[in-house]
Protein backbone atom coordinates (compact mmCIF):
# COMPACT_ATOMS: atom_id res chain seq x y z
CA UNK A 1 4.36 -11.01 13.80
CA UNK A 2 1.85 -8.68 12.16
CA UNK A 3 2.82 -7.38 8.73
CA UNK A 4 2.15 -3.64 8.87
CA UNK A 5 3.02 -3.21 5.22
CA UNK A 6 0.60 -5.74 3.73
CA UNK A 7 -1.20 -4.18 0.75
CA UNK A 8 -2.52 -7.39 -0.84
CA UNK A 9 -5.97 -6.94 -2.38
CA UNK A 10 -5.85 -3.15 -2.12
CA UNK A 11 -7.09 -1.16 -5.14
CA UNK A 12 -4.64 1.34 -6.64
CA UNK A 13 -5.17 3.94 -9.36
CA UNK A 14 -1.99 5.06 -11.11
CA UNK A 15 -2.02 8.08 -13.42
CA UNK A 16 0.69 8.02 -16.05
CA UNK A 17 0.35 4.26 -15.78
CA UNK A 18 1.54 3.41 -19.28
CA UNK A 19 5.17 4.52 -19.06
CA UNK A 20 8.12 5.44 -16.88
CA UNK A 21 7.68 5.51 -13.13
CA UNK A 22 3.99 4.72 -13.45
CA UNK A 23 4.73 1.30 -14.95
CA UNK A 24 7.42 0.55 -12.36
CA UNK A 25 5.12 1.49 -9.49
CA UNK A 26 2.34 -0.61 -11.01
CA UNK A 27 4.68 -3.62 -11.18
CA UNK A 28 5.83 -3.10 -7.59
CA UNK A 29 2.23 -2.94 -6.38
CA UNK A 30 1.23 -5.93 -8.51
CA UNK A 31 4.09 -7.97 -7.02
CA UNK A 32 2.39 -7.42 -3.64
CA UNK A 33 -1.06 -8.49 -4.87
CA UNK A 34 -2.57 -5.05 -5.43
CA UNK A 35 -5.36 -4.76 -8.00
CA UNK A 36 -4.64 -1.97 -10.45
CA UNK A 37 -6.38 0.69 -12.49
CA UNK A 38 -4.01 2.38 -14.92
CA UNK A 39 -4.81 5.81 -16.35
CA UNK A 40 -3.03 7.36 -19.34
CA UNK A 41 -3.86 8.88 -22.73
CA UNK A 42 -2.61 6.20 -25.13
CA UNK A 43 -4.85 3.14 -25.23
CA UNK A 44 -2.35 0.98 -27.13
CA UNK A 45 0.31 1.46 -24.45
CA UNK A 46 -2.20 1.10 -21.61
CA UNK A 47 -3.55 -2.16 -22.97
CA UNK A 48 -0.07 -3.61 -23.49
CA UNK A 49 1.10 -2.66 -19.99
CA UNK A 50 -2.11 -3.93 -18.37
CA UNK A 51 -1.83 -7.28 -20.14
CA UNK A 52 1.87 -7.60 -19.33
CA UNK A 53 1.35 -6.92 -15.62
CA UNK A 54 -1.71 -9.19 -15.35
CA UNK A 55 0.20 -12.03 -17.03
CA UNK A 56 3.39 -11.55 -15.03
CA UNK A 57 1.87 -11.08 -11.58
CA UNK A 58 -1.56 -12.72 -11.84
CA UNK A 59 -3.43 -9.70 -10.50
CA UNK A 60 -6.50 -7.99 -11.87
CA UNK A 61 -5.60 -4.94 -13.95
CA UNK A 62 -7.99 -2.56 -15.65
CA UNK A 63 -7.20 0.56 -17.58
CA UNK A 64 -9.03 3.71 -18.58
CA UNK A 65 -7.96 6.08 -21.32
CA UNK A 66 -7.68 9.28 -19.31
CA UNK A 67 -6.50 12.81 -19.98
CA UNK A 68 -5.65 14.20 -16.54
CA UNK A 69 -6.11 17.75 -17.88
CA UNK A 70 -9.84 17.07 -18.39
CA UNK A 71 -11.65 16.90 -15.02
CA UNK A 72 -14.81 15.31 -16.43
CA UNK A 73 -12.72 12.60 -18.10
CA UNK A 74 -10.89 11.96 -14.82
CA UNK A 75 -14.21 11.67 -12.96
CA UNK A 76 -15.53 9.22 -15.57
CA UNK A 77 -12.40 7.07 -15.27
CA UNK A 78 -12.57 7.08 -11.47
CA UNK A 79 -16.22 6.03 -11.64
CA UNK A 80 -15.24 3.08 -13.86
CA UNK A 81 -12.83 1.94 -11.15
CA UNK A 82 -15.51 2.28 -8.47
CA UNK A 83 -17.97 0.37 -10.66
CA UNK A 84 -15.47 -2.47 -11.15
CA UNK A 85 -13.76 -2.73 -7.76
CA UNK A 86 -16.15 -0.94 -5.39
CA UNK A 87 -13.48 1.26 -3.85
CA UNK A 88 -10.09 2.94 -4.33
CA UNK A 89 -7.48 2.54 -1.58
CA UNK A 90 -4.44 4.17 -3.18
CA UNK A 91 -3.95 6.91 -5.76
CA UNK A 92 -0.52 7.47 -7.29
CA UNK A 93 -0.27 10.67 -9.32
CA UNK A 94 2.62 9.98 -11.67
CA UNK A 95 1.39 11.57 -14.90
CA UNK A 96 3.77 14.26 -15.99
CA UNK A 97 5.60 15.97 -18.81
CA UNK A 98 9.33 15.40 -18.96
CA UNK A 99 10.38 17.78 -21.73
CA UNK A 100 11.38 21.06 -20.16
CA UNK A 101 13.16 23.78 -22.08
CA UNK A 102 15.06 26.81 -20.86
CA UNK A 103 12.52 29.39 -19.67
CA UNK A 104 13.37 31.81 -22.47
CA UNK A 105 13.00 29.11 -25.14
CA UNK A 106 9.73 27.66 -23.89
CA UNK A 107 6.50 29.08 -25.30
CA UNK A 108 3.66 30.18 -23.07
CA UNK A 109 1.56 27.36 -24.56
CA UNK A 110 4.21 24.78 -23.59
CA UNK A 111 4.37 26.22 -20.07
CA UNK A 112 0.59 26.09 -19.75
CA UNK A 113 0.59 22.45 -20.91
CA UNK A 114 3.14 21.56 -18.21
CA UNK A 115 1.07 23.26 -15.53
CA UNK A 116 -2.13 21.63 -16.70
CA UNK A 117 -0.64 18.11 -16.58
CA UNK A 118 1.80 18.39 -13.69
CA UNK A 119 -0.30 20.55 -11.36
CA UNK A 120 -3.96 20.54 -12.38
CA UNK A 121 -3.81 16.83 -13.23
CA UNK A 122 -2.71 16.02 -9.68
CA UNK A 123 -5.51 18.15 -8.25
CA UNK A 124 -8.15 16.69 -10.59
CA UNK A 125 -7.26 13.07 -9.82
CA UNK A 126 -6.90 13.73 -6.09
CA UNK A 127 -10.26 15.51 -5.98
CA UNK A 128 -12.09 12.84 -7.98
CA UNK A 129 -10.64 9.97 -5.95
CA UNK A 130 -10.63 11.86 -2.66
CA UNK A 131 -14.42 12.09 -2.61
CA UNK A 132 -14.62 8.30 -2.46
CA UNK A 133 -11.79 8.02 0.06
CA UNK A 134 -13.63 10.38 2.42
CA UNK A 135 -16.81 8.30 2.09
CA UNK A 136 -14.95 5.05 2.77
CA UNK A 137 -12.92 6.69 5.58
CA UNK A 138 -9.68 5.35 4.13
CA UNK A 139 -7.23 6.14 1.39
CA UNK A 140 -3.68 7.08 0.56
CA UNK A 141 -2.60 9.59 -2.10
CA UNK A 142 0.98 9.60 -3.36
CA UNK A 143 2.14 12.51 -5.54
CA UNK A 144 5.31 12.21 -7.60
CA UNK A 145 7.21 15.04 -9.19
CA UNK A 146 10.43 15.15 -11.10
């Protein structure tokens, strides 16, 4: 019987890959043999998570310090993945801010930060990766929100 859900040896980029859902998704993919590229802002956390997953699941894991609110930085990180793996099959947009306040207590600056990460970050990563997915005529983009 053909396994229609086989993702072994696929290449996945996960934004927000150093904490929360991003780490759990990375582990789930790694358990199925997916090679990973983790994007997040904190190198110490990224490195620790990448090493932990590589050791536990025996898959290749790279990371790139990435601020999803900076399109040029996102493009640079995506290019590093292409340079290493040659393609990107899956993008999971899981970067996000989880500290919401009541609308009347939140500053405009805090609101703008949320929008930049939770909305623009998804667009930036999808656009940067999507260009390669169109060229390769394959790719899946998964957007998470909470």
